[in-house]
PDB file of N, CA and C in Angstrom:
ATOM      1  N   MET A   1     120.781  62.530 150.248  1.00  0.00           N
ATOM      2  CA  MET A   1     121.996  63.304 150.198  1.00  0.00           C
ATOM      3  C   MET A   1     122.338  63.730 151.622  1.00  0.00           C
ATOM      4  N   LYS A   2     123.563  63.486 152.031  1.00  0.00           N
ATOM      5  CA  LYS A   2     124.013  63.868 153.359  1.00  0.00           C
ATOM      6  C   LYS A   2     124.729  65.203 153.305  1.00  0.00           C
ATOM      7  N   GLN A   3     124.591  65.970 154.362  1.00  0.00           N
ATOM      8  CA  GLN A   3     125.269  67.259 154.438  1.00  0.00           C
ATOM      9  C   GLN A   3     126.769  67.048 154.538  1.00  0.00           C
ATOM     10  N   ASN A   4     127.514  67.858 153.812  1.00  0.00           N
ATOM     11  CA  ASN A   4     128.967  67.804 153.860  1.00  0.00           C
ATOM     12  C   ASN A   4     129.418  68.477 155.151  1.00  0.00           C
ATOM     13  N   ILE A   5     130.004  67.711 156.050  1.00  0.00           N
ATOM     14  CA  ILE A   5     130.440  68.266 157.330  1.00  0.00           C
ATOM     15  C   ILE A   5     131.960  68.248 157.473  1.00  0.00           C
ATOM     16  N   SER A   6     132.655  68.196 156.347  1.00  0.00           N
ATOM     17  CA  SER A   6     134.115  68.210 156.417  1.00  0.00           C
ATOM     18  C   SER A   6     134.583  69.524 157.033  1.00  0.00           C
ATOM     19  N   HIS A   7     135.698  69.470 157.720  1.00  0.00           N
ATOM     20  CA  HIS A   7     136.228  70.661 158.380  1.00  0.00           C
ATOM     21  C   HIS A   7     136.503  71.780 157.365  1.00  0.00           C
ATOM     22  N   ALA A   8     137.036  71.424 156.214  1.00  0.00           N
ATOM     23  CA  ALA A   8     137.373  72.430 155.205  1.00  0.00           C
ATOM     24  C   ALA A   8     136.127  73.178 154.738  1.00  0.00           C
ATOM     25  N   VAL A   9     135.028  72.476 154.581  1.00  0.00           N
ATOM     26  CA  VAL A   9     133.792  73.114 154.134  1.00  0.00           C
ATOM     27  C   VAL A   9     133.149  73.889 155.267  1.00  0.00           C
ATOM     28  N   MET A  10     133.004  73.261 156.401  1.00  0.00           N
ATOM     29  CA  MET A  10     132.303  73.888 157.516  1.00  0.00           C
ATOM     30  C   MET A  10     133.021  75.142 158.024  1.00  0.00           C
ATOM     31  N   SER A  11     134.333  75.185 157.963  1.00  0.00           N
ATOM     32  CA  SER A  11     135.055  76.347 158.469  1.00  0.00           C
ATOM     33  C   SER A  11     134.844  77.573 157.587  1.00  0.00           C
ATOM     34  N   GLN A  12     134.411  77.388 156.344  1.00  0.00           N
ATOM     35  CA  GLN A  12     134.212  78.500 155.432  1.00  0.00           C
ATOM     36  C   GLN A  12     132.761  78.965 155.380  1.00  0.00           C
ATOM     37  N   ARG A  13     131.852  78.231 156.010  1.00  0.00           N
ATOM     38  CA  ARG A  13     130.447  78.594 155.968  1.00  0.00           C
ATOM     39  C   ARG A  13     130.211  79.886 156.732  1.00  0.00           C
ATOM     40  N   ASN A  14     129.253  80.643 156.270  1.00  0.00           N
ATOM     41  CA  ASN A  14     128.876  81.891 156.923  1.00  0.00           C
ATOM     42  C   ASN A  14     127.648  81.614 157.777  1.00  0.00           C
ATOM     43  N   PRO A  15     127.797  81.570 159.092  1.00  0.00           N
ATOM     44  CA  PRO A  15     126.683  81.195 159.949  1.00  0.00           C
ATOM     45  C   PRO A  15     125.663  82.305 160.188  1.00  0.00           C
ATOM     46  N   ASN A  16     125.880  83.477 159.630  1.00  0.00           N
ATOM     47  CA  ASN A  16     124.967  84.594 159.812  1.00  0.00           C
ATOM     48  C   ASN A  16     123.584  84.216 159.293  1.00  0.00           C
ATOM     49  N   ILE A  17     122.580  84.226 160.161  1.00  0.00           N
ATOM     50  CA  ILE A  17     121.243  83.800 159.748  1.00  0.00           C
ATOM     51  C   ILE A  17     120.663  84.692 158.667  1.00  0.00           C
ATOM     52  N   TYR A  18     121.141  85.924 158.563  1.00  0.00           N
ATOM     53  CA  TYR A  18     120.609  86.833 157.566  1.00  0.00           C
ATOM     54  C   TYR A  18     121.147  86.544 156.162  1.00  0.00           C
ATOM     55  N   THR A  19     122.112  85.676 156.028  1.00  0.00           N
ATOM     56  CA  THR A  19     122.646  85.330 154.719  1.00  0.00           C
ATOM     57  C   THR A  19     122.068  84.022 154.204  1.00  0.00           C
ATOM     58  N   PHE A  20     121.146  83.430 154.918  1.00  0.00           N
ATOM     59  CA  PHE A  20     120.457  82.226 154.482  1.00  0.00           C
ATOM     60  C   PHE A  20     121.436  81.125 154.081  1.00  0.00           C
ATOM     61  N   ASP A  21     122.424  80.903 154.937  1.00  0.00           N
ATOM     62  CA  ASP A  21     123.407  79.837 154.719  1.00  0.00           C
ATOM     63  C   ASP A  21     124.209  80.088 153.442  1.00  0.00           C
ATOM     64  N   ASN A  22     124.701  81.296 153.295  1.00  0.00           N
ATOM     65  CA  ASN A  22     125.430  81.718 152.106  1.00  0.00           C
ATOM     66  C   ASN A  22     126.842  81.135 152.093  1.00  0.00           C
ATOM     67  N   PHE A  23     127.171  80.398 151.043  1.00  0.00           N
ATOM     68  CA  PHE A  23     128.488  79.790 150.893  1.00  0.00           C
ATOM     69  C   PHE A  23     128.886  79.903 149.421  1.00  0.00           C
ATOM     70  N   PRO A  24     129.475  81.027 149.007  1.00  0.00           N
ATOM     71  CA  PRO A  24     129.787  81.254 147.593  1.00  0.00           C
ATOM     72  C   PRO A  24     130.710  80.186 147.000  1.00  0.00           C
ATOM     73  N   THR A  25     130.420  79.806 145.792  1.00  0.00           N
ATOM     74  CA  THR A  25     131.233  78.824 145.079  1.00  0.00           C
ATOM     75  C   THR A  25     132.358  79.545 144.339  1.00  0.00           C
ATOM     76  N   PRO A  26     133.605  79.188 144.608  1.00  0.00           N
ATOM     77  CA  PRO A  26     134.715  79.832 143.893  1.00  0.00           C
ATOM     78  C   PRO A  26     134.650  79.517 142.389  1.00  0.00           C
ATOM     79  N   PRO A  27     134.983  80.475 141.537  1.00  0.00           N
ATOM     80  CA  PRO A  27     134.972  80.225 140.095  1.00  0.00           C
ATOM     81  C   PRO A  27     135.767  78.985 139.695  1.00  0.00           C
ATOM     82  N   VAL A  28     136.889  78.723 140.353  1.00  0.00           N
ATOM     83  CA  VAL A  28     137.702  77.555 140.001  1.00  0.00           C
ATOM     84  C   VAL A  28     136.920  76.253 140.211  1.00  0.00           C
ATOM     85  N   ALA A  29     136.055  76.214 141.207  1.00  0.00           N
ATOM     86  CA  ALA A  29     135.259  75.010 141.459  1.00  0.00           C
ATOM     87  C   ALA A  29     134.204  74.812 140.367  1.00  0.00           C
ATOM     88  N   THR A  30     133.580  75.898 139.942  1.00  0.00           N
ATOM     89  CA  THR A  30     132.593  75.809 138.866  1.00  0.00           C
ATOM     90  C   THR A  30     133.260  75.367 137.571  1.00  0.00           C
ATOM     91  N   ARG A  31     134.402  75.964 137.254  1.00  0.00           N
ATOM     92  CA  ARG A  31     135.126  75.566 136.031  1.00  0.00           C
ATOM     93  C   ARG A  31     135.541  74.100 136.087  1.00  0.00           C
ATOM     94  N   ALA A  32     136.017  73.649 137.230  1.00  0.00           N
ATOM     95  CA  ALA A  32     136.430  72.250 137.369  1.00  0.00           C
ATOM     96  C   ALA A  32     135.248  71.314 137.137  1.00  0.00           C
ATOM     97  N   PHE A  33     134.094  71.660 137.689  1.00  0.00           N
ATOM     98  CA  PHE A  33     132.905  70.837 137.480  1.00  0.00           C
ATOM     99  C   PHE A  33     132.526  70.791 136.005  1.00  0.00           C
ATOM    100  N   ILE A  34     132.428  71.953 135.376  1.00  0.00           N
ATOM    101  CA  ILE A  34     132.036  72.011 133.958  1.00  0.00           C
ATOM    102  C   ILE A  34     133.031  71.251 133.094  1.00  0.00           C
ATOM    103  N   ASN A  35     134.307  71.497 133.289  1.00  0.00           N
ATOM    104  CA  ASN A  35     135.326  70.865 132.454  1.00  0.00           C
ATOM    105  C   ASN A  35     135.415  69.357 132.661  1.00  0.00           C
ATOM    106  N   SER A  36     135.218  68.902 133.877  1.00  0.00           N
ATOM    107  CA  SER A  36     135.351  67.467 134.134  1.00  0.00           C
ATOM    108  C   SER A  36     134.074  66.683 133.868  1.00  0.00           C
ATOM    109  N   GLN A  37     132.923  67.338 133.946  1.00  0.00           N
ATOM    110  CA  GLN A  37     131.676  66.595 133.845  1.00  0.00           C
ATOM    111  C   GLN A  37     130.841  66.889 132.605  1.00  0.00           C
ATOM    112  N   LEU A  38     130.982  68.061 132.009  1.00  0.00           N
ATOM    113  CA  LEU A  38     130.041  68.443 130.959  1.00  0.00           C
ATOM    114  C   LEU A  38     130.647  68.829 129.624  1.00  0.00           C
ATOM    115  N   SER A  39     131.693  69.627 129.628  1.00  0.00           N
ATOM    116  CA  SER A  39     132.121  70.273 128.385  1.00  0.00           C
ATOM    117  C   SER A  39     132.574  69.318 127.295  1.00  0.00           C
ATOM    118  N   SER A  40     133.081  68.158 127.643  1.00  0.00           N
ATOM    119  CA  SER A  40     133.523  67.238 126.601  1.00  0.00           C
ATOM    120  C   SER A  40     132.362  66.457 125.990  1.00  0.00           C
ATOM    121  N   SER A  41     131.216  66.427 126.648  1.00  0.00           N
ATOM    122  CA  SER A  41     130.080  65.637 126.160  1.00  0.00           C
ATOM    123  C   SER A  41     128.937  66.468 125.588  1.00  0.00           C
ATOM    124  N   TYR A  42     128.917  67.759 125.868  1.00  0.00           N
ATOM    125  CA  TYR A  42     127.797  68.604 125.457  1.00  0.00           C
ATOM    126  C   TYR A  42     128.304  69.909 124.852  1.00  0.00           C
ATOM    127  N   ASN A  43     127.533  70.433 123.904  1.00  0.00           N
ATOM    128  CA  ASN A  43     127.831  71.741 123.341  1.00  0.00           C
ATOM    129  C   ASN A  43     127.093  72.777 124.184  1.00  0.00           C
ATOM    130  N   LEU A  44     127.726  73.211 125.239  1.00  0.00           N
ATOM    131  CA  LEU A  44     127.084  74.115 126.183  1.00  0.00           C
ATOM    132  C   LEU A  44     126.879  75.509 125.610  1.00  0.00           C
ATOM    133  N   SER A  45     127.656  75.885 124.612  1.00  0.00           N
ATOM    134  CA  SER A  45     127.573  77.236 124.061  1.00  0.00           C
ATOM    135  C   SER A  45     126.232  77.514 123.378  1.00  0.00           C
ATOM    136  N   LYS A  46     125.447  76.483 123.152  1.00  0.00           N
ATOM    137  CA  LYS A  46     124.112  76.647 122.568  1.00  0.00           C
ATOM    138  C   LYS A  46     123.020  76.347 123.583  1.00  0.00           C
ATOM    139  N   SER A  47     123.401  76.164 124.834  1.00  0.00           N
ATOM    140  CA  SER A  47     122.462  75.755 125.871  1.00  0.00           C
ATOM    141  C   SER A  47     122.129  76.900 126.828  1.00  0.00           C
ATOM    142  N   THR A  48     120.974  76.757 127.469  1.00  0.00           N
ATOM    143  CA  THR A  48     120.558  77.693 128.500  1.00  0.00           C
ATOM    144  C   THR A  48     120.774  77.060 129.866  1.00  0.00           C
ATOM    145  N   CYS A  49     121.007  77.914 130.865  1.00  0.00           N
ATOM    146  CA  CYS A  49     121.288  77.419 132.211  1.00  0.00           C
ATOM    147  C   CYS A  49     120.583  78.305 133.236  1.00  0.00           C
ATOM    148  N   LEU A  50     120.052  77.681 134.265  1.00  0.00           N
ATOM    149  CA  LEU A  50     119.482  78.389 135.404  1.00  0.00           C
ATOM    150  C   LEU A  50     120.352  78.139 136.614  1.00  0.00           C
ATOM    151  N   GLU A  51     120.691  79.209 137.321  1.00  0.00           N
ATOM    152  CA  GLU A  51     121.387  79.117 138.603  1.00  0.00           C
ATOM    153  C   GLU A  51     120.406  79.662 139.637  1.00  0.00           C
ATOM    154  N   PRO A  52     119.664  78.776 140.338  1.00  0.00           N
ATOM    155  CA  PRO A  52     118.555  79.223 141.181  1.00  0.00           C
ATOM    156  C   PRO A  52     118.912  79.669 142.592  1.00  0.00           C
ATOM    157  N   ALA A  53     120.181  79.639 142.961  1.00  0.00           N
ATOM    158  CA  ALA A  53     120.628  80.114 144.277  1.00  0.00           C
ATOM    159  C   ALA A  53     121.926  80.882 144.078  1.00  0.00           C
ATOM    160  N   CYS A  54     121.846  81.978 143.335  1.00  0.00           N
ATOM    161  CA  CYS A  54     123.048  82.624 142.803  1.00  0.00           C
ATOM    162  C   CYS A  54     123.861  83.447 143.799  1.00  0.00           C
ATOM    163  N   GLY A  55     123.274  83.821 144.922  1.00  0.00           N
ATOM    164  CA  GLY A  55     124.046  84.609 145.883  1.00  0.00           C
ATOM    165  C   GLY A  55     124.626  85.863 145.251  1.00  0.00           C
ATOM    166  N   GLN A  56     125.929  86.063 145.420  1.00  0.00           N
ATOM    167  CA  GLN A  56     126.617  87.230 144.853  1.00  0.00           C
ATOM    168  C   GLN A  56     126.962  87.062 143.373  1.00  0.00           C
ATOM    169  N   GLY A  57     126.645  85.919 142.792  1.00  0.00           N
ATOM    170  CA  GLY A  57     126.843  85.722 141.363  1.00  0.00           C
ATOM    171  C   GLY A  57     128.127  85.028 140.966  1.00  0.00           C
ATOM    172  N   ASN A  58     128.882  84.503 141.915  1.00  0.00           N
ATOM    173  CA  ASN A  58     130.150  83.846 141.584  1.00  0.00           C
ATOM    174  C   ASN A  58     129.956  82.727 140.566  1.00  0.00           C
ATOM    175  N   MET A  59     129.033  81.831 140.837  1.00  0.00           N
ATOM    176  CA  MET A  59     128.816  80.704 139.934  1.00  0.00           C
ATOM    177  C   MET A  59     128.181  81.179 138.629  1.00  0.00           C
ATOM    178  N   SER A  60     127.219  82.074 138.704  1.00  0.00           N
ATOM    179  CA  SER A  60     126.546  82.565 137.495  1.00  0.00           C
ATOM    180  C   SER A  60     127.526  83.200 136.518  1.00  0.00           C
ATOM    181  N   GLU A  61     128.407  84.042 137.029  1.00  0.00           N
ATOM    182  CA  GLU A  61     129.384  84.693 136.153  1.00  0.00           C
ATOM    183  C   GLU A  61     130.297  83.672 135.482  1.00  0.00           C
ATOM    184  N   THR A  62     130.664  82.638 136.194  1.00  0.00           N
ATOM    185  CA  THR A  62     131.515  81.597 135.614  1.00  0.00           C
ATOM    186  C   THR A  62     130.737  80.764 134.608  1.00  0.00           C
ATOM    187  N   LEU A  63     129.480  80.468 134.903  1.00  0.00           N
ATOM    188  CA  LEU A  63     128.652  79.706 133.958  1.00  0.00           C
ATOM    189  C   LEU A  63     128.491  80.452 132.636  1.00  0.00           C
ATOM    190  N   LYS A  64     128.495  81.776 132.682  1.00  0.00           N
ATOM    191  CA  LYS A  64     128.385  82.580 131.461  1.00  0.00           C
ATOM    192  C   LYS A  64     129.550  82.348 130.506  1.00  0.00           C
ATOM    193  N   GLU A  65     130.660  81.846 131.005  1.00  0.00           N
ATOM    194  CA  GLU A  65     131.802  81.530 130.148  1.00  0.00           C
ATOM    195  C   GLU A  65     131.507  80.328 129.247  1.00  0.00           C
ATOM    196  N   TYR A  66     130.528  79.533 129.614  1.00  0.00           N
ATOM    197  CA  TYR A  66     130.260  78.270 128.920  1.00  0.00           C
ATOM    198  C   TYR A  66     128.911  78.229 128.208  1.00  0.00           C
ATOM    199  N   PHE A  67     127.890  78.851 128.761  1.00  0.00           N
ATOM    200  CA  PHE A  67     126.527  78.728 128.261  1.00  0.00           C
ATOM    201  C   PHE A  67     126.109  79.920 127.421  1.00  0.00           C
ATOM    202  N   LYS A  68     125.181  79.660 126.502  1.00  0.00           N
ATOM    203  CA  LYS A  68     124.638  80.726 125.671  1.00  0.00           C
ATOM    204  C   LYS A  68     123.966  81.782 126.535  1.00  0.00           C
ATOM    205  N   THR A  69     123.105  81.349 127.445  1.00  0.00           N
ATOM    206  CA  THR A  69     122.458  82.256 128.385  1.00  0.00           C
ATOM    207  C   THR A  69     122.409  81.617 129.762  1.00  0.00           C
ATOM    208  N   VAL A  70     122.496  82.466 130.768  1.00  0.00           N
ATOM    209  CA  VAL A  70     122.394  82.036 132.162  1.00  0.00           C
ATOM    210  C   VAL A  70     121.398  82.955 132.846  1.00  0.00           C
ATOM    211  N   GLN A  71     120.381  82.368 133.448  1.00  0.00           N
ATOM    212  CA  GLN A  71     119.444  83.141 134.252  1.00  0.00           C
ATOM    213  C   GLN A  71     119.719  82.821 135.717  1.00  0.00           C
ATOM    214  N   SER A  72     119.708  83.849 136.546  1.00  0.00           N
ATOM    215  CA  SER A  72     120.093  83.698 137.947  1.00  0.00           C
ATOM    216  C   SER A  72     118.950  84.123 138.858  1.00  0.00           C
ATOM    217  N   PHE A  73     118.616  83.257 139.808  1.00  0.00           N
ATOM    218  CA  PHE A  73     117.599  83.532 140.817  1.00  0.00           C
ATOM    219  C   PHE A  73     118.248  83.479 142.189  1.00  0.00           C
ATOM    220  N   ASP A  74     117.619  84.139 143.144  1.00  0.00           N
ATOM    221  CA  ASP A  74     117.904  83.919 144.560  1.00  0.00           C
ATOM    222  C   ASP A  74     116.748  84.483 145.357  1.00  0.00           C
ATOM    223  N   ILE A  75     116.523  83.912 146.512  1.00  0.00           N
ATOM    224  CA  ILE A  75     115.447  84.364 147.389  1.00  0.00           C
ATOM    225  C   ILE A  75     115.828  85.664 148.095  1.00  0.00           C
ATOM    226  N   ILE A  76     117.124  85.917 148.217  1.00  0.00           N
ATOM    227  CA  ILE A  76     117.649  87.121 148.851  1.00  0.00           C
ATOM    228  C   ILE A  76     118.518  87.870 147.837  1.00  0.00           C
ATOM    229  N   ASP A  77     118.406  89.180 147.827  1.00  0.00           N
ATOM    230  CA  ASP A  77     119.243  89.994 146.947  1.00  0.00           C
ATOM    231  C   ASP A  77     120.566  90.275 147.649  1.00  0.00           C
ATOM    232  N   TYR A  78     121.623  89.590 147.193  1.00  0.00           N
ATOM    233  CA  TYR A  78     122.959  89.774 147.765  1.00  0.00           C
ATOM    234  C   TYR A  78     123.759  90.822 146.998  1.00  0.00           C
ATOM    235  N   GLY A  79     123.108  91.514 146.080  1.00  0.00           N
ATOM    236  CA  GLY A  79     123.783  92.576 145.351  1.00  0.00           C
ATOM    237  C   GLY A  79     124.241  92.193 143.954  1.00  0.00           C
ATOM    238  N   TYR A  80     123.934  90.984 143.509  1.00  0.00           N
ATOM    239  CA  TYR A  80     124.301  90.584 142.148  1.00  0.00           C
ATOM    240  C   TYR A  80     123.310  91.228 141.183  1.00  0.00           C
ATOM    241  N   SER A  81     123.803  92.078 140.311  1.00  0.00           N
ATOM    242  CA  SER A  81     122.932  92.894 139.470  1.00  0.00           C
ATOM    243  C   SER A  81     122.189  92.102 138.397  1.00  0.00           C
ATOM    244  N   ASP A  82     122.677  90.943 138.049  1.00  0.00           N
ATOM    245  CA  ASP A  82     122.085  90.165 136.959  1.00  0.00           C
ATOM    246  C   ASP A  82     121.252  89.002 137.504  1.00  0.00           C
ATOM    247  N   MET A  83     120.393  89.277 138.499  1.00  0.00           N
ATOM    248  CA  MET A  83     119.590  88.227 139.099  1.00  0.00           C
ATOM    249  C   MET A  83     118.149  88.675 139.241  1.00  0.00           C
ATOM    250  N   THR A  84     117.275  87.695 139.378  1.00  0.00           N
ATOM    251  CA  THR A  84     115.873  87.940 139.656  1.00  0.00           C
ATOM    252  C   THR A  84     115.577  87.426 141.051  1.00  0.00           C
ATOM    253  N   LYS A  85     114.989  88.271 141.876  1.00  0.00           N
ATOM    254  CA  LYS A  85     114.657  87.840 143.236  1.00  0.00           C
ATOM    255  C   LYS A  85     113.457  86.893 143.138  1.00  0.00           C
ATOM    256  N   THR A  86     113.742  85.607 143.285  1.00  0.00           N
ATOM    257  CA  THR A  86     112.738  84.559 143.125  1.00  0.00           C
ATOM    258  C   THR A  86     113.046  83.408 144.063  1.00  0.00           C
ATOM    259  N   ASP A  87     112.030  82.873 144.680  1.00  0.00           N
ATOM    260  CA  ASP A  87     112.164  81.659 145.478  1.00  0.00           C
ATOM    261  C   ASP A  87     111.993  80.477 144.533  1.00  0.00           C
ATOM    262  N   PHE A  88     113.086  79.881 144.137  1.00  0.00           N
ATOM    263  CA  PHE A  88     113.060  78.774 143.182  1.00  0.00           C
ATOM    264  C   PHE A  88     112.131  77.657 143.633  1.00  0.00           C
ATOM    265  N   LEU A  89     112.104  77.376 144.919  1.00  0.00           N
ATOM    266  CA  LEU A  89     111.296  76.271 145.431  1.00  0.00           C
ATOM    267  C   LEU A  89     109.799  76.542 145.345  1.00  0.00           C
ATOM    268  N   LYS A  90     109.429  77.807 145.175  1.00  0.00           N
ATOM    269  CA  LYS A  90     108.010  78.157 145.041  1.00  0.00           C
ATOM    270  C   LYS A  90     107.684  78.676 143.647  1.00  0.00           C
ATOM    271  N   SER A  91     108.662  78.684 142.761  1.00  0.00           N
ATOM    272  CA  SER A  91     108.442  79.221 141.421  1.00  0.00           C
ATOM    273  C   SER A  91     107.624  78.238 140.596  1.00  0.00           C
ATOM    274  N   SER A  92     107.052  78.739 139.561  1.00  0.00           N
ATOM    275  CA  SER A  92     106.219  77.898 138.701  1.00  0.00           C
ATOM    276  C   SER A  92     106.823  77.786 137.304  1.00  0.00           C
ATOM    277  N   LEU A  93     108.079  77.430 137.261  1.00  0.00           N
ATOM    278  CA  LEU A  93     108.745  77.236 135.968  1.00  0.00           C
ATOM    279  C   LEU A  93     108.169  76.009 135.270  1.00  0.00           C
ATOM    280  N   GLU A  94     107.987  76.125 133.988  1.00  0.00           N
ATOM    281  CA  GLU A  94     107.525  74.976 133.222  1.00  0.00           C
ATOM    282  C   GLU A  94     108.666  73.980 133.068  1.00  0.00           C
ATOM    283  N   ASP A  95     108.326  72.710 132.956  1.00  0.00           N
ATOM    284  CA  ASP A  95     109.342  71.695 132.704  1.00  0.00           C
ATOM    285  C   ASP A  95     110.121  72.067 131.449  1.00  0.00           C
ATOM    286  N   ASN A  96     111.395  71.795 131.473  1.00  0.00           N
ATOM    287  CA  ASN A  96     112.293  72.039 130.339  1.00  0.00           C
ATOM    288  C   ASN A  96     112.415  73.524 129.975  1.00  0.00           C
ATOM    289  N   SER A  97     112.245  74.404 130.961  1.00  0.00           N
ATOM    290  CA  SER A  97     112.436  75.840 130.718  1.00  0.00           C
ATOM    291  C   SER A  97     113.893  76.156 130.416  1.00  0.00           C
ATOM    292  N   PHE A  98     114.783  75.330 130.953  1.00  0.00           N
ATOM    293  CA  PHE A  98     116.222  75.501 130.763  1.00  0.00           C
ATOM    294  C   PHE A  98     116.822  74.158 130.401  1.00  0.00           C
ATOM    295  N   ASP A  99     117.929  74.206 129.652  1.00  0.00           N
ATOM    296  CA  ASP A  99     118.630  72.961 129.332  1.00  0.00           C
ATOM    297  C   ASP A  99     119.325  72.390 130.565  1.00  0.00           C
ATOM    298  N   TRP A 100     119.838  73.287 131.418  1.00  0.00           N
ATOM    299  CA  TRP A 100     120.592  72.872 132.598  1.00  0.00           C
ATOM    300  C   TRP A 100     120.181  73.697 133.795  1.00  0.00           C
ATOM    301  N   VAL A 101     120.204  73.083 134.962  1.00  0.00           N
ATOM    302  CA  VAL A 101     120.064  73.779 136.232  1.00  0.00           C
ATOM    303  C   VAL A 101     121.296  73.399 137.043  1.00  0.00           C
ATOM    304  N   ILE A 102     122.135  74.392 137.324  1.00  0.00           N
ATOM    305  CA  ILE A 102     123.384  74.150 138.051  1.00  0.00           C
ATOM    306  C   ILE A 102     123.435  75.145 139.203  1.00  0.00           C
ATOM    307  N   THR A 103     123.649  74.626 140.412  1.00  0.00           N
ATOM    308  CA  THR A 103     123.625  75.496 141.581  1.00  0.00           C
ATOM    309  C   THR A 103     124.394  74.899 142.743  1.00  0.00           C
ATOM    310  N   ASN A 104     124.663  75.742 143.712  1.00  0.00           N
ATOM    311  CA  ASN A 104     125.174  75.333 145.010  1.00  0.00           C
ATOM    312  C   ASN A 104     124.160  75.876 146.009  1.00  0.00           C
ATOM    313  N   PRO A 105     123.108  75.101 146.299  1.00  0.00           N
ATOM    314  CA  PRO A 105     122.024  75.629 147.136  1.00  0.00           C
ATOM    315  C   PRO A 105     122.431  75.755 148.599  1.00  0.00           C
ATOM    316  N   PRO A 106     121.652  76.513 149.357  1.00  0.00           N
ATOM    317  CA  PRO A 106     121.915  76.589 150.797  1.00  0.00           C
ATOM    318  C   PRO A 106     121.897  75.185 151.410  1.00  0.00           C
ATOM    319  N   PHE A 107     122.886  74.898 152.250  1.00  0.00           N
ATOM    320  CA  PHE A 107     122.999  73.558 152.835  1.00  0.00           C
ATOM    321  C   PHE A 107     121.729  73.129 153.552  1.00  0.00           C
ATOM    322  N   LYS A 108     121.096  74.069 154.247  1.00  0.00           N
ATOM    323  CA  LYS A 108     119.918  73.740 155.055  1.00  0.00           C
ATOM    324  C   LYS A 108     118.770  73.175 154.230  1.00  0.00           C
ATOM    325  N   ILE A 109     118.679  73.572 152.969  1.00  0.00           N
ATOM    326  CA  ILE A 109     117.552  73.147 152.146  1.00  0.00           C
ATOM    327  C   ILE A 109     118.000  72.468 150.849  1.00  0.00           C
ATOM    328  N   ALA A 110     119.205  71.968 150.818  1.00  0.00           N
ATOM    329  CA  ALA A 110     119.756  71.351 149.605  1.00  0.00           C
ATOM    330  C   ALA A 110     118.871  70.219 149.086  1.00  0.00           C
ATOM    331  N   GLU A 111     118.348  69.396 149.970  1.00  0.00           N
ATOM    332  CA  GLU A 111     117.520  68.269 149.536  1.00  0.00           C
ATOM    333  C   GLU A 111     116.242  68.755 148.869  1.00  0.00           C
ATOM    334  N   ASP A 112     115.722  69.889 149.278  1.00  0.00           N
ATOM    335  CA  ASP A 112     114.527  70.435 148.636  1.00  0.00           C
ATOM    336  C   ASP A 112     114.809  70.803 147.181  1.00  0.00           C
ATOM    337  N   PHE A 113     116.016  71.242 146.876  1.00  0.00           N
ATOM    338  CA  PHE A 113     116.388  71.578 145.507  1.00  0.00           C
ATOM    339  C   PHE A 113     116.421  70.328 144.630  1.00  0.00           C
ATOM    340  N   GLU A 114     116.762  69.188 145.182  1.00  0.00           N
ATOM    341  CA  GLU A 114     116.764  67.945 144.416  1.00  0.00           C
ATOM    342  C   GLU A 114     115.369  67.582 143.954  1.00  0.00           C
ATOM    343  N   GLU A 115     114.381  67.852 144.776  1.00  0.00           N
ATOM    344  CA  GLU A 115     113.012  67.491 144.473  1.00  0.00           C
ATOM    345  C   GLU A 115     112.344  68.493 143.552  1.00  0.00           C
ATOM    346  N   GLY A 116     112.855  69.746 143.551  1.00  0.00           N
ATOM    347  CA  GLY A 116     112.209  70.835 142.807  1.00  0.00           C
ATOM    348  C   GLY A 116     112.355  70.743 141.374  1.00  0.00           C
TER     349      GLY A 116
END
């Protein structure tokens, strides 16, 4: 997977090292993904979902519109009240703990999320 270096994406990135490459996903983008890729083929309302890099909760809150339950992790507490401070890459989740894992991980470590 190659890093997205388009001007539109890069200009919106937050380079502050204390935010761990924080780039919140707009709700419209999450809805577009779900509607175009998943909702017509799966009954998501009975499914569980993990968002392992939830940041401020933008994506998690939108995922709650579609899934029965959404659990949200992040390595840093950005103030989202419905999250567990957890390093997903070091967590010991059992296989098939969730029906879906949907996230927008930090760009710097995105490939690590693919392997996790």
